[in-house]
PDB file of N, CA and C in Angstrom:
ATOM      1  N   MET A   1       0.835  -1.184   0.000  1.00  0.00           N
ATOM      2  CA  MET A   1       0.000   0.000   0.000  1.00  0.00           C
ATOM      3  C   MET A   1       0.880   1.249   0.000  1.00  0.00           C
ATOM      4  N   MET A   2       0.501   2.238  -0.803  1.00  0.00           N
ATOM      5  CA  MET A   2       1.297   3.468  -0.901  1.00  0.00           C
ATOM      6  C   MET A   2       0.965   4.434   0.229  1.00  0.00           C
ATOM      7  N   PRO A   3       1.968   5.142   0.697  1.00  0.00           N
ATOM      8  CA  PRO A   3       1.700   6.160   1.716  1.00  0.00           C
ATOM      9  C   PRO A   3       0.771   7.245   1.158  1.00  0.00           C
ATOM     10  N   GLU A   4      -0.018   7.812   2.041  1.00  0.00           N
ATOM     11  CA  GLU A   4      -0.984   8.836   1.626  1.00  0.00           C
ATOM     12  C   GLU A   4      -0.300  10.027   0.964  1.00  0.00           C
ATOM     13  N   ALA A   5       0.870  10.417   1.441  1.00  0.00           N
ATOM     14  CA  ALA A   5       1.596  11.547   0.859  1.00  0.00           C
ATOM     15  C   ALA A   5       1.976  11.264  -0.594  1.00  0.00           C
ATOM     16  N   THR A   6       2.358  10.030  -0.894  1.00  0.00           N
ATOM     17  CA  THR A   6       2.716   9.656  -2.262  1.00  0.00           C
ATOM     18  C   THR A   6       1.506   9.758  -3.173  1.00  0.00           C
ATOM     19  N   ILE A   7       0.380   9.249  -2.705  1.00  0.00           N
ATOM     20  CA  ILE A   7      -0.856   9.317  -3.489  1.00  0.00           C
ATOM     21  C   ILE A   7      -1.239  10.769  -3.718  1.00  0.00           C
ATOM     22  N   ASP A   8      -1.118  11.594  -2.684  1.00  0.00           N
ATOM     23  CA  ASP A   8      -1.444  13.016  -2.788  1.00  0.00           C
ATOM     24  C   ASP A   8      -0.553  13.699  -3.817  1.00  0.00           C
ATOM     25  N   HIS A   9       0.741  13.405  -3.813  1.00  0.00           N
ATOM     26  CA  HIS A   9       1.662  14.004  -4.788  1.00  0.00           C
ATOM     27  C   HIS A   9       1.321  13.563  -6.199  1.00  0.00           C
ATOM     28  N   ARG A  10       0.953  12.312  -6.351  1.00  0.00           N
ATOM     29  CA  ARG A  10       0.574  11.808  -7.677  1.00  0.00           C
ATOM     30  C   ARG A  10      -0.685  12.498  -8.173  1.00  0.00           C
ATOM     31  N   GLU A  11      -1.662  12.640  -7.302  1.00  0.00           N
ATOM     32  CA  GLU A  11      -2.906  13.321  -7.689  1.00  0.00           C
ATOM     33  C   GLU A  11      -2.635  14.773  -8.061  1.00  0.00           C
ATOM     34  N   LYS A  12      -1.788  15.436  -7.290  1.00  0.00           N
ATOM     35  CA  LYS A  12      -1.450  16.827  -7.584  1.00  0.00           C
ATOM     36  C   LYS A  12      -0.701  16.936  -8.909  1.00  0.00           C
ATOM     37  N   ALA A  13       0.240  16.027  -9.154  1.00  0.00           N
ATOM     38  CA  ALA A  13       0.994  16.053 -10.408  1.00  0.00           C
ATOM     39  C   ALA A  13       0.059  15.872 -11.584  1.00  0.00           C
ATOM     40  N   HIS A  14      -0.841  14.918 -11.500  1.00  0.00           N
ATOM     41  CA  HIS A  14      -1.781  14.677 -12.583  1.00  0.00           C
ATOM     42  C   HIS A  14      -2.675  15.895 -12.797  1.00  0.00           C
ATOM     43  N   ALA A  15      -3.159  16.477 -11.714  1.00  0.00           N
ATOM     44  CA  ALA A  15      -4.030  17.656 -11.816  1.00  0.00           C
ATOM     45  C   ALA A  15      -3.288  18.841 -12.436  1.00  0.00           C
ATOM     46  N   LEU A  16      -2.044  19.048 -12.043  1.00  0.00           N
ATOM     47  CA  LEU A  16      -1.260  20.156 -12.606  1.00  0.00           C
ATOM     48  C   LEU A  16      -0.978  19.948 -14.092  1.00  0.00           C
ATOM     49  N   LEU A  17      -0.653  18.740 -14.481  1.00  0.00           N
ATOM     50  CA  LEU A  17      -0.394  18.460 -15.892  1.00  0.00           C
ATOM     51  C   LEU A  17      -1.671  18.625 -16.716  1.00  0.00           C
ATOM     52  N   LYS A  18      -2.799  18.176 -16.184  1.00  0.00           N
ATOM     53  CA  LYS A  18      -4.066  18.344 -16.882  1.00  0.00           C
ATOM     54  C   LYS A  18      -4.403  19.821 -17.009  1.00  0.00           C
ATOM     55  N   ALA A  19      -4.147  20.598 -15.972  1.00  0.00           N
ATOM     56  CA  ALA A  19      -4.402  22.045 -16.032  1.00  0.00           C
ATOM     57  C   ALA A  19      -3.525  22.698 -17.096  1.00  0.00           C
ATOM     58  N   ASP A  20      -2.271  22.285 -17.197  1.00  0.00           N
ATOM     59  CA  ASP A  20      -1.385  22.829 -18.233  1.00  0.00           C
ATOM     60  C   ASP A  20      -1.889  22.467 -19.622  1.00  0.00           C
ATOM     61  N   ALA A  21      -2.374  21.245 -19.797  1.00  0.00           N
ATOM     62  CA  ALA A  21      -2.936  20.831 -21.087  1.00  0.00           C
ATOM     63  C   ALA A  21      -4.177  21.663 -21.415  1.00  0.00           C
ATOM     64  N   ASP A  22      -5.025  21.894 -20.426  1.00  0.00           N
ATOM     65  CA  ASP A  22      -6.215  22.722 -20.627  1.00  0.00           C
ATOM     66  C   ASP A  22      -5.833  24.158 -20.991  1.00  0.00           C
ATOM     67  N   ASN A  23      -4.778  24.671 -20.368  1.00  0.00           N
ATOM     68  CA  ASN A  23      -4.314  26.028 -20.689  1.00  0.00           C
ATOM     69  C   ASN A  23      -3.823  26.120 -22.131  1.00  0.00           C
ATOM     70  N   ILE A  24      -3.146  25.089 -22.608  1.00  0.00           N
ATOM     71  CA  ILE A  24      -2.685  25.077 -23.998  1.00  0.00           C
ATOM     72  C   ILE A  24      -3.896  25.102 -24.927  1.00  0.00           C
ATOM     73  N   LEU A  25      -4.891  24.301 -24.625  1.00  0.00           N
ATOM     74  CA  LEU A  25      -6.098  24.267 -25.442  1.00  0.00           C
ATOM     75  C   LEU A  25      -6.770  25.635 -25.479  1.00  0.00           C
ATOM     76  N   ARG A  26      -6.897  26.282 -24.333  1.00  0.00           N
ATOM     77  CA  ARG A  26      -7.512  27.619 -24.283  1.00  0.00           C
ATOM     78  C   ARG A  26      -6.679  28.641 -25.058  1.00  0.00           C
ATOM     79  N   LEU A  27      -5.369  28.562 -24.929  1.00  0.00           N
ATOM     80  CA  LEU A  27      -4.486  29.476 -25.655  1.00  0.00           C
ATOM     81  C   LEU A  27      -4.692  29.339 -27.157  1.00  0.00           C
ATOM     82  N   ILE A  28      -4.750  28.124 -27.638  1.00  0.00           N
ATOM     83  CA  ILE A  28      -4.940  27.889 -29.066  1.00  0.00           C
ATOM     84  C   ILE A  28      -6.337  28.315 -29.502  1.00  0.00           C
ATOM     85  N   GLU A  29      -7.348  28.072 -28.662  1.00  0.00           N
ATOM     86  CA  GLU A  29      -8.709  28.524 -28.992  1.00  0.00           C
ATOM     87  C   GLU A  29      -8.740  30.031 -29.179  1.00  0.00           C
ATOM     88  N   VAL A  30      -8.121  30.759 -28.269  1.00  0.00           N
ATOM     89  CA  VAL A  30      -8.088  32.215 -28.360  1.00  0.00           C
ATOM     90  C   VAL A  30      -7.344  32.653 -29.613  1.00  0.00           C
ATOM     91  N   GLN A  31      -6.245  31.997 -29.886  1.00  0.00           N
ATOM     92  CA  GLN A  31      -5.453  32.349 -31.054  1.00  0.00           C
ATOM     93  C   GLN A  31      -6.242  32.128 -32.335  1.00  0.00           C
ATOM     94  N   ILE A  32      -6.944  31.018 -32.417  1.00  0.00           N
ATOM     95  CA  ILE A  32      -7.736  30.731 -33.617  1.00  0.00           C
ATOM     96  C   ILE A  32      -8.886  31.728 -33.745  1.00  0.00           C
ATOM     97  N   GLU A  33      -9.570  31.992 -32.650  1.00  0.00           N
ATOM     98  CA  GLU A  33     -10.740  32.863 -32.692  1.00  0.00           C
ATOM     99  C   GLU A  33     -10.390  34.327 -32.948  1.00  0.00           C
ATOM    100  N   ASN A  34      -9.270  34.789 -32.409  1.00  0.00           N
ATOM    101  CA  ASN A  34      -9.017  36.220 -32.416  1.00  0.00           C
ATOM    102  C   ASN A  34      -7.772  36.691 -33.152  1.00  0.00           C
ATOM    103  N   LEU A  35      -6.784  35.865 -33.254  1.00  0.00           N
ATOM    104  CA  LEU A  35      -5.508  36.384 -33.715  1.00  0.00           C
ATOM    105  C   LEU A  35      -5.080  35.869 -35.080  1.00  0.00           C
ATOM    106  N   THR A  36      -4.931  34.571 -35.205  1.00  0.00           N
ATOM    107  CA  THR A  36      -4.337  34.043 -36.419  1.00  0.00           C
ATOM    108  C   THR A  36      -5.051  32.791 -36.874  1.00  0.00           C
ATOM    109  N   MET A  37      -4.779  32.415 -38.084  1.00  0.00           N
ATOM    110  CA  MET A  37      -5.302  31.170 -38.631  1.00  0.00           C
ATOM    111  C   MET A  37      -4.290  30.058 -38.365  1.00  0.00           C
ATOM    112  N   PRO A  38      -4.749  28.803 -38.357  1.00  0.00           N
ATOM    113  CA  PRO A  38      -3.842  27.681 -38.073  1.00  0.00           C
ATOM    114  C   PRO A  38      -2.671  27.554 -39.046  1.00  0.00           C
ATOM    115  N   GLN A  39      -2.745  28.147 -40.230  1.00  0.00           N
ATOM    116  CA  GLN A  39      -1.634  28.056 -41.168  1.00  0.00           C
ATOM    117  C   GLN A  39      -0.529  29.056 -40.840  1.00  0.00           C
ATOM    118  N   CYS A  40      -0.783  29.948 -39.937  1.00  0.00           N
ATOM    119  CA  CYS A  40       0.165  31.002 -39.592  1.00  0.00           C
ATOM    120  C   CYS A  40       1.353  30.414 -38.821  1.00  0.00           C
ATOM    121  N   PRO A  41       2.572  30.824 -39.193  1.00  0.00           N
ATOM    122  CA  PRO A  41       3.757  30.322 -38.481  1.00  0.00           C
ATOM    123  C   PRO A  41       3.735  30.631 -36.984  1.00  0.00           C
ATOM    124  N   VAL A  42       3.149  31.753 -36.593  1.00  0.00           N
ATOM    125  CA  VAL A  42       3.085  32.097 -35.166  1.00  0.00           C
ATOM    126  C   VAL A  42       2.238  31.061 -34.427  1.00  0.00           C
ATOM    127  N   TYR A  43       1.113  30.698 -35.009  1.00  0.00           N
ATOM    128  CA  TYR A  43       0.249  29.677 -34.416  1.00  0.00           C
ATOM    129  C   TYR A  43       1.032  28.379 -34.243  1.00  0.00           C
ATOM    130  N   GLU A  44       1.711  27.955 -35.293  1.00  0.00           N
ATOM    131  CA  GLU A  44       2.467  26.702 -35.252  1.00  0.00           C
ATOM    132  C   GLU A  44       3.599  26.769 -34.232  1.00  0.00           C
ATOM    133  N   ASP A  45       4.284  27.910 -34.148  1.00  0.00           N
ATOM    134  CA  ASP A  45       5.371  28.058 -33.179  1.00  0.00           C
ATOM    135  C   ASP A  45       4.847  27.977 -31.747  1.00  0.00           C
ATOM    136  N   VAL A  46       3.737  28.655 -31.490  1.00  0.00           N
ATOM    137  CA  VAL A  46       3.156  28.633 -30.145  1.00  0.00           C
ATOM    138  C   VAL A  46       2.740  27.209 -29.787  1.00  0.00           C
ATOM    139  N   LEU A  47       2.051  26.560 -30.707  1.00  0.00           N
ATOM    140  CA  LEU A  47       1.596  25.202 -30.441  1.00  0.00           C
ATOM    141  C   LEU A  47       2.779  24.261 -30.224  1.00  0.00           C
ATOM    142  N   ASP A  48       3.774  24.329 -31.094  1.00  0.00           N
ATOM    143  CA  ASP A  48       4.941  23.453 -30.951  1.00  0.00           C
ATOM    144  C   ASP A  48       5.663  23.702 -29.632  1.00  0.00           C
ATOM    145  N   THR A  49       5.843  24.953 -29.282  1.00  0.00           N
ATOM    146  CA  THR A  49       6.542  25.300 -28.042  1.00  0.00           C
ATOM    147  C   THR A  49       5.770  24.816 -26.822  1.00  0.00           C
ATOM    148  N   GLN A  50       4.464  25.064 -26.818  1.00  0.00           N
ATOM    149  CA  GLN A  50       3.643  24.655 -25.678  1.00  0.00           C
ATOM    150  C   GLN A  50       3.583  23.133 -25.547  1.00  0.00           C
ATOM    151  N   MET A  51       3.430  22.446 -26.657  1.00  0.00           N
ATOM    152  CA  MET A  51       3.356  20.984 -26.622  1.00  0.00           C
ATOM    153  C   MET A  51       4.695  20.388 -26.187  1.00  0.00           C
ATOM    154  N   PHE A  52       5.784  20.969 -26.657  1.00  0.00           N
ATOM    155  CA  PHE A  52       7.098  20.489 -26.242  1.00  0.00           C
ATOM    156  C   PHE A  52       7.271  20.681 -24.734  1.00  0.00           C
ATOM    157  N   GLY A  53       6.891  21.856 -24.241  1.00  0.00           N
ATOM    158  CA  GLY A  53       7.004  22.117 -22.807  1.00  0.00           C
ATOM    159  C   GLY A  53       6.184  21.143 -21.982  1.00  0.00           C
ATOM    160  N   LEU A  54       4.952  20.883 -22.420  1.00  0.00           N
ATOM    161  CA  LEU A  54       4.110  19.938 -21.697  1.00  0.00           C
ATOM    162  C   LEU A  54       4.706  18.533 -21.738  1.00  0.00           C
ATOM    163  N   SER A  55       5.233  18.135 -22.883  1.00  0.00           N
ATOM    164  CA  SER A  55       5.821  16.799 -22.973  1.00  0.00           C
ATOM    165  C   SER A  55       7.025  16.663 -22.040  1.00  0.00           C
ATOM    166  N   ARG A  56       7.787  17.736 -21.873  1.00  0.00           N
ATOM    167  CA  ARG A  56       8.930  17.707 -20.941  1.00  0.00           C
ATOM    168  C   ARG A  56       8.435  17.641 -19.501  1.00  0.00           C
ATOM    169  N   GLU A  57       7.359  18.365 -19.173  1.00  0.00           N
ATOM    170  CA  GLU A  57       6.786  18.284 -17.830  1.00  0.00           C
ATOM    171  C   GLU A  57       6.320  16.860 -17.534  1.00  0.00           C
ATOM    172  N   ILE A  58       5.656  16.265 -18.512  1.00  0.00           N
ATOM    173  CA  ILE A  58       5.157  14.900 -18.344  1.00  0.00           C
ATOM    174  C   ILE A  58       6.322  13.935 -18.164  1.00  0.00           C
ATOM    175  N   ASP A  59       7.349  14.095 -18.982  1.00  0.00           N
ATOM    176  CA  ASP A  59       8.533  13.237 -18.864  1.00  0.00           C
ATOM    177  C   ASP A  59       9.147  13.357 -17.462  1.00  0.00           C
ATOM    178  N   PHE A  60       9.227  14.566 -16.962  1.00  0.00           N
ATOM    179  CA  PHE A  60       9.778  14.796 -15.629  1.00  0.00           C
ATOM    180  C   PHE A  60       8.923  14.102 -14.562  1.00  0.00           C
ATOM    181  N   ALA A  61       7.600  14.235 -14.680  1.00  0.00           N
ATOM    182  CA  ALA A  61       6.701  13.599 -13.713  1.00  0.00           C
ATOM    183  C   ALA A  61       6.803  12.072 -13.784  1.00  0.00           C
ATOM    184  N   VAL A  62       6.972  11.550 -14.986  1.00  0.00           N
ATOM    185  CA  VAL A  62       7.145  10.096 -15.140  1.00  0.00           C
ATOM    186  C   VAL A  62       8.440   9.655 -14.478  1.00  0.00           C
ATOM    187  N   ARG A  63       9.513  10.408 -14.719  1.00  0.00           N
ATOM    188  CA  ARG A  63      10.806  10.048 -14.139  1.00  0.00           C
ATOM    189  C   ARG A  63      10.774  10.103 -12.611  1.00  0.00           C
ATOM    190  N   LEU A  64       9.961  10.990 -12.054  1.00  0.00           N
ATOM    191  CA  LEU A  64       9.804  11.061 -10.595  1.00  0.00           C
ATOM    192  C   LEU A  64       8.816  10.021 -10.074  1.00  0.00           C
ATOM    193  N   ASP A  65       8.243   9.258 -10.990  1.00  0.00           N
ATOM    194  CA  ASP A  65       7.250   8.237 -10.663  1.00  0.00           C
ATOM    195  C   ASP A  65       5.994   8.849 -10.037  1.00  0.00           C
ATOM    196  N   LEU A  66       5.650  10.062 -10.504  1.00  0.00           N
ATOM    197  CA  LEU A  66       4.428  10.705 -10.033  1.00  0.00           C
ATOM    198  C   LEU A  66       3.236  10.324 -10.901  1.00  0.00           C
ATOM    199  N   ILE A  67       3.503  10.019 -12.174  1.00  0.00           N
ATOM    200  CA  ILE A  67       2.475   9.489 -13.059  1.00  0.00           C
ATOM    201  C   ILE A  67       3.117   8.374 -13.879  1.00  0.00           C
ATOM    202  N   SER A  68       2.279   7.530 -14.446  1.00  0.00           N
ATOM    203  CA  SER A  68       2.804   6.456 -15.278  1.00  0.00           C
ATOM    204  C   SER A  68       3.025   6.969 -16.702  1.00  0.00           C
ATOM    205  N   GLU A  69       3.811   6.225 -17.466  1.00  0.00           N
ATOM    206  CA  GLU A  69       4.007   6.592 -18.869  1.00  0.00           C
ATOM    207  C   GLU A  69       2.671   6.588 -19.601  1.00  0.00           C
ATOM    208  N   ASN A  70       1.814   5.639 -19.281  1.00  0.00           N
ATOM    209  CA  ASN A  70       0.503   5.559 -19.923  1.00  0.00           C
ATOM    210  C   ASN A  70      -0.353   6.784 -19.607  1.00  0.00           C
ATOM    211  N   GLU A  71      -0.305   7.249 -18.357  1.00  0.00           N
ATOM    212  CA  GLU A  71      -1.059   8.450 -17.994  1.00  0.00           C
ATOM    213  C   GLU A  71      -0.534   9.661 -18.757  1.00  0.00           C
ATOM    214  N   GLY A  72       0.773   9.779 -18.853  1.00  0.00           N
ATOM    215  CA  GLY A  72       1.376  10.882 -19.582  1.00  0.00           C
ATOM    216  C   GLY A  72       1.017  10.849 -21.057  1.00  0.00           C
ATOM    217  N   ARG A  73       1.106   9.671 -21.630  1.00  0.00           N
ATOM    218  CA  ARG A  73       0.753   9.500 -23.049  1.00  0.00           C
ATOM    219  C   ARG A  73      -0.716   9.844 -23.265  1.00  0.00           C
ATOM    220  N   ALA A  74      -1.578   9.421 -22.346  1.00  0.00           N
ATOM    221  CA  ALA A  74      -3.014   9.685 -22.462  1.00  0.00           C
ATOM    222  C   ALA A  74      -3.298  11.188 -22.399  1.00  0.00           C
ATOM    223  N   LEU A  75      -2.590  11.898 -21.519  1.00  0.00           N
ATOM    224  CA  LEU A  75      -2.769  13.353 -21.440  1.00  0.00           C
ATOM    225  C   LEU A  75      -2.417  14.023 -22.767  1.00  0.00           C
ATOM    226  N   LEU A  76      -1.282  13.649 -23.335  1.00  0.00           N
ATOM    227  CA  LEU A  76      -0.864  14.237 -24.610  1.00  0.00           C
ATOM    228  C   LEU A  76      -1.816  13.860 -25.740  1.00  0.00           C
ATOM    229  N   GLU A  77      -2.211  12.596 -25.789  1.00  0.00           N
ATOM    230  CA  GLU A  77      -3.111  12.145 -26.853  1.00  0.00           C
ATOM    231  C   GLU A  77      -4.465  12.833 -26.756  1.00  0.00           C
ATOM    232  N   ASN A  78      -4.969  13.000 -25.548  1.00  0.00           N
ATOM    233  CA  ASN A  78      -6.247  13.678 -25.346  1.00  0.00           C
ATOM    234  C   ASN A  78      -6.162  15.128 -25.830  1.00  0.00           C
ATOM    235  N   LEU A  79      -5.094  15.809 -25.468  1.00  0.00           N
ATOM    236  CA  LEU A  79      -4.910  17.189 -25.905  1.00  0.00           C
ATOM    237  C   LEU A  79      -4.784  17.255 -27.421  1.00  0.00           C
ATOM    238  N   GLU A  80      -4.014  16.358 -28.003  1.00  0.00           N
ATOM    239  CA  GLU A  80      -3.848  16.350 -29.461  1.00  0.00           C
ATOM    240  C   GLU A  80      -5.180  16.124 -30.167  1.00  0.00           C
ATOM    241  N   LYS A  81      -6.015  15.227 -29.648  1.00  0.00           N
ATOM    242  CA  LYS A  81      -7.340  14.994 -30.238  1.00  0.00           C
ATOM    243  C   LYS A  81      -8.180  16.262 -30.185  1.00  0.00           C
ATOM    244  N   LYS A  82      -8.184  16.931 -29.027  1.00  0.00           N
ATOM    245  CA  LYS A  82      -8.959  18.162 -28.884  1.00  0.00           C
ATOM    246  C   LYS A  82      -8.443  19.249 -29.823  1.00  0.00           C
ATOM    247  N   LEU A  83      -7.118  19.352 -29.939  1.00  0.00           N
ATOM    248  CA  LEU A  83      -6.543  20.353 -30.838  1.00  0.00           C
ATOM    249  C   LEU A  83      -6.873  20.045 -32.293  1.00  0.00           C
ATOM    250  N   ASN A  84      -6.885  18.769 -32.672  1.00  0.00           N
ATOM    251  CA  ASN A  84      -7.258  18.394 -34.032  1.00  0.00           C
ATOM    252  C   ASN A  84      -8.708  18.753 -34.328  1.00  0.00           C
ATOM    253  N   ILE A  85      -9.583  18.510 -33.374  1.00  0.00           N
ATOM    254  CA  ILE A  85     -11.002  18.871 -33.531  1.00  0.00           C
ATOM    255  C   ILE A  85     -11.138  20.374 -33.695  1.00  0.00           C
ATOM    256  N   LEU A  86     -10.437  21.110 -32.872  1.00  0.00           N
ATOM    257  CA  LEU A  86     -10.455  22.569 -32.948  1.00  0.00           C
ATOM    258  C   LEU A  86      -9.924  23.054 -34.282  1.00  0.00           C
ATOM    259  N   HIS A  87      -8.830  22.473 -34.734  1.00  0.00           N
ATOM    260  CA  HIS A  87      -8.227  22.849 -36.012  1.00  0.00           C
ATOM    261  C   HIS A  87      -9.188  22.564 -37.165  1.00  0.00           C
ATOM    262  N   GLU A  88      -9.807  21.385 -37.160  1.00  0.00           N
ATOM    263  CA  GLU A  88     -10.743  21.032 -38.212  1.00  0.00           C
ATOM    264  C   GLU A  88     -11.946  21.967 -38.207  1.00  0.00           C
ATOM    265  N   ALA A  89     -12.443  22.311 -37.038  1.00  0.00           N
ATOM    266  CA  ALA A  89     -13.575  23.229 -36.945  1.00  0.00           C
ATOM    267  C   ALA A  89     -13.204  24.594 -37.500  1.00  0.00           C
ATOM    268  N   SER A  90     -11.989  25.051 -37.238  1.00  0.00           N
ATOM    269  CA  SER A  90     -11.569  26.353 -37.762  1.00  0.00           C
ATOM    270  C   SER A  90     -11.423  26.306 -39.275  1.00  0.00           C
ATOM    271  N   GLN A  91     -10.987  25.170 -39.817  1.00  0.00           N
ATOM    272  CA  GLN A  91     -10.859  25.006 -41.264  1.00  0.00           C
ATOM    273  C   GLN A  91     -12.221  25.002 -41.947  1.00  0.00           C
ATOM    274  N   ASN A  92     -13.191  24.395 -41.306  1.00  0.00           N
ATOM    275  CA  ASN A  92     -14.538  24.315 -41.880  1.00  0.00           C
ATOM    276  C   ASN A  92     -15.268  25.638 -41.840  1.00  0.00           C
ATOM    277  N   SER A  93     -14.882  26.513 -40.928  1.00  0.00           N
ATOM    278  CA  SER A  93     -15.555  27.812 -40.817  1.00  0.00           C
ATOM    279  C   SER A  93     -14.940  28.860 -41.744  1.00  0.00           C
ATOM    280  N   VAL A  94     -13.837  28.531 -42.403  1.00  0.00           N
ATOM    281  CA  VAL A  94     -13.161  29.493 -43.299  1.00  0.00           C
ATOM    282  C   VAL A  94     -13.865  29.527 -44.622  1.00  0.00           C
TER     283      VAL A  94
END
């Protein structure tokens, strides 16, 4: 059985990573709605930078054994699916 503090740290790590993923999604939503189109290099740079940063955070949490590799992969895949849906919706509205 895991100590309660370990479980608490794992829950906090997962919650923080999910919040960062949600922030990336909101940032891209705002960018699509108000600033640039998905074909714009600025959009791509922001998305690439944010996704890279999140992947490094996830890697760090995995290495600390705060989340599993599967949990980290699921967070990234979920965000990528949402971003693809958002991108497709923006393409259809053009």
